[in-house]
């Protein structure tokens, strides 16, 4: 597990925060699948709840002024949430894997876009990510990223 301090999170651009959320989400998919395989359904449930929390935060960061793509991405996030909920109810590793594949595709596309698009600096106005930052309080004031 890699831990990132709150200060580091606040220094990231929205694009970099999105990449961190995708990374954390993929880690939770891996954990959830392993827990289902181990028949540890309580921990599988917790991991799937974290996946849906991450998807909610990704949705909160969408800029609807950007046009139709934000609406479509919101629909994809909602589809993944619905699939994860069904996988959780049924403890179905196949459904979970289907949701993970779609999430992985989005993550790959995002990370590829980060490589080619210039990262725009952010004015120090609080954005949607900072309002909904995904932080698990630790004694050292850190954030779990999923590594």
Protein backbone atom coordinates (compact mmCIF):
# COMPACT_ATOMS: atom_id res chain seq x y z
CA UNK A 1 0.00 0.00 0.00
CA UNK A 2 1.24 3.45 -0.86
CA UNK A 3 0.08 6.32 1.34
CA UNK A 4 -0.23 9.88 0.13
CA UNK A 5 -0.57 12.79 2.49
CA UNK A 6 -3.42 15.29 2.28
CA UNK A 7 -0.90 17.94 1.31
CA UNK A 8 0.21 15.94 -1.73
CA UNK A 9 -3.43 15.41 -2.75
CA UNK A 10 -4.05 19.16 -2.62
CA UNK A 11 -1.02 19.74 -4.86
CA UNK A 12 -2.39 17.47 -7.60
CA UNK A 13 -4.31 18.74 -10.59
CA UNK A 14 -7.85 17.46 -11.12
CA UNK A 15 -6.47 15.29 -13.93
CA UNK A 16 -3.93 13.71 -11.59
CA UNK A 17 -6.56 13.20 -8.89
CA UNK A 18 -8.73 11.39 -11.41
CA UNK A 19 -5.81 9.09 -12.23
CA UNK A 20 -5.37 8.39 -8.50
CA UNK A 21 -9.06 7.55 -8.17
CA UNK A 22 -8.85 5.13 -11.09
CA UNK A 23 -5.78 3.52 -9.51
CA UNK A 24 -7.53 3.14 -6.15
CA UNK A 25 -10.63 1.75 -7.85
CA UNK A 26 -8.63 -0.90 -9.69
CA UNK A 27 -7.00 -1.94 -6.43
CA UNK A 28 -10.44 -2.33 -4.84
CA UNK A 29 -11.65 -4.45 -7.78
CA UNK A 30 -8.68 -6.76 -7.24
CA UNK A 31 -9.38 -7.00 -3.53
CA UNK A 32 -13.10 -7.61 -4.02
CA UNK A 33 -12.47 -10.43 -6.50
CA UNK A 34 -9.96 -12.05 -4.16
CA UNK A 35 -12.35 -11.78 -1.22
CA UNK A 36 -15.16 -13.35 -3.25
CA UNK A 37 -12.82 -16.18 -4.22
CA UNK A 38 -11.93 -16.62 -0.53
CA UNK A 39 -15.65 -16.47 0.38
CA UNK A 40 -14.90 -13.55 2.69
CA UNK A 41 -18.10 -11.78 1.76
CA UNK A 42 -17.88 -9.10 4.44
CA UNK A 43 -14.58 -7.81 3.07
CA UNK A 44 -15.80 -8.27 -0.52
CA UNK A 45 -18.76 -6.07 0.37
CA UNK A 46 -16.45 -3.41 1.84
CA UNK A 47 -14.26 -3.37 -1.26
CA UNK A 48 -17.27 -3.09 -3.56
CA UNK A 49 -18.65 -0.24 -1.46
CA UNK A 50 -15.31 1.52 -1.87
CA UNK A 51 -15.50 0.98 -5.64
CA UNK A 52 -18.90 2.65 -5.72
CA UNK A 53 -17.65 5.47 -3.50
CA UNK A 54 -14.79 6.06 -5.94
CA UNK A 55 -17.21 6.03 -8.87
CA UNK A 56 -19.39 8.58 -7.07
CA UNK A 57 -16.36 10.82 -6.61
CA UNK A 58 -15.39 10.41 -10.25
CA UNK A 59 -18.91 11.47 -11.19
CA UNK A 60 -18.74 14.46 -8.85
CA UNK A 61 -15.64 15.64 -10.69
CA UNK A 62 -17.28 15.70 -14.11
CA UNK A 63 -17.55 19.08 -15.77
CA UNK A 64 -20.92 19.13 -17.49
CA UNK A 65 -19.95 22.34 -19.26
CA UNK A 66 -17.59 20.15 -21.32
CA UNK A 67 -20.54 18.82 -23.30
CA UNK A 68 -22.07 15.46 -24.11
CA UNK A 69 -19.00 13.46 -23.10
CA UNK A 70 -19.58 14.27 -19.42
CA UNK A 71 -23.17 13.00 -19.65
CA UNK A 72 -22.04 9.84 -21.38
CA UNK A 73 -19.26 9.25 -18.88
CA UNK A 74 -21.76 9.71 -16.05
CA UNK A 75 -23.95 7.03 -17.65
CA UNK A 76 -20.97 4.67 -17.89
CA UNK A 77 -20.10 5.29 -14.23
CA UNK A 78 -23.72 4.56 -13.28
CA UNK A 79 -23.67 1.36 -15.33
CA UNK A 80 -20.51 0.22 -13.53
CA UNK A 81 -22.08 1.07 -10.15
CA UNK A 82 -25.19 -0.95 -11.02
CA UNK A 83 -23.06 -3.90 -12.13
CA UNK A 84 -20.96 -3.77 -8.96
CA UNK A 85 -24.13 -3.64 -6.83
CA UNK A 86 -25.47 -6.72 -8.62
CA UNK A 87 -22.13 -8.48 -8.23
CA UNK A 88 -22.19 -7.61 -4.53
CA UNK A 89 -25.73 -8.87 -3.98
CA UNK A 90 -25.05 -12.11 -5.84
CA UNK A 91 -21.34 -12.38 -4.87
CA UNK A 92 -20.79 -12.91 -8.58
CA UNK A 93 -17.13 -12.74 -9.61
CA UNK A 94 -18.04 -12.75 -13.33
CA UNK A 95 -20.19 -9.62 -13.03
CA UNK A 96 -17.49 -7.98 -10.95
CA UNK A 97 -14.90 -8.82 -13.61
CA UNK A 98 -17.16 -7.34 -16.32
CA UNK A 99 -17.42 -4.08 -14.35
CA UNK A 100 -13.67 -4.11 -13.76
CA UNK A 101 -12.92 -4.49 -17.48
CA UNK A 102 -14.99 -1.42 -18.28
CA UNK A 103 -13.40 0.52 -15.40
CA UNK A 104 -9.94 -0.57 -16.59
CA UNK A 105 -10.75 0.66 -20.12
CA UNK A 106 -11.68 4.08 -18.73
CA UNK A 107 -8.54 4.15 -16.60
CA UNK A 108 -6.32 3.21 -19.54
CA UNK A 109 -7.91 5.87 -21.73
CA UNK A 110 -7.54 8.49 -19.01
CA UNK A 111 -3.88 7.67 -18.41
CA UNK A 112 -3.16 7.70 -22.13
CA UNK A 113 -4.83 11.11 -22.43
CA UNK A 114 -2.68 12.40 -19.55
CA UNK A 115 0.44 11.42 -21.49
CA UNK A 116 -0.57 13.38 -24.59
CA UNK A 117 -2.60 16.32 -23.28
CA UNK A 118 -1.03 19.23 -21.47
CA UNK A 119 -1.93 19.38 -17.80
CA UNK A 120 -3.50 22.70 -17.01
CA UNK A 121 -2.55 24.22 -13.69
CA UNK A 122 -5.41 24.82 -11.31
CA UNK A 123 -6.08 28.10 -9.57
CA UNK A 124 -6.28 27.49 -5.84
CA UNK A 125 -10.04 27.59 -5.81
CA UNK A 126 -11.59 24.53 -4.16
CA UNK A 127 -12.83 22.15 -6.84
CA UNK A 128 -15.24 19.22 -6.76
CA UNK A 129 -12.44 16.79 -5.98
CA UNK A 130 -11.27 18.74 -2.97
CA UNK A 131 -14.83 19.02 -1.71
CA UNK A 132 -15.22 15.23 -1.94
CA UNK A 133 -11.66 14.02 -1.45
CA UNK A 134 -11.52 10.27 -0.71
CA UNK A 135 -9.53 10.14 2.51
CA UNK A 136 -9.33 7.35 5.01
CA UNK A 137 -8.01 9.01 8.13
CA UNK A 138 -4.79 7.44 9.34
CA UNK A 139 -2.71 8.36 12.36
CA UNK A 140 -0.17 9.98 10.01
CA UNK A 141 -2.79 12.04 8.13
CA UNK A 142 -2.52 10.07 4.88
CA UNK A 143 -4.64 8.74 2.00
CA UNK A 144 -4.64 5.19 0.68
CA UNK A 145 -4.11 5.09 -3.10
CA UNK A 146 -4.39 1.37 -3.63
CA UNK A 147 -0.77 0.37 -4.28
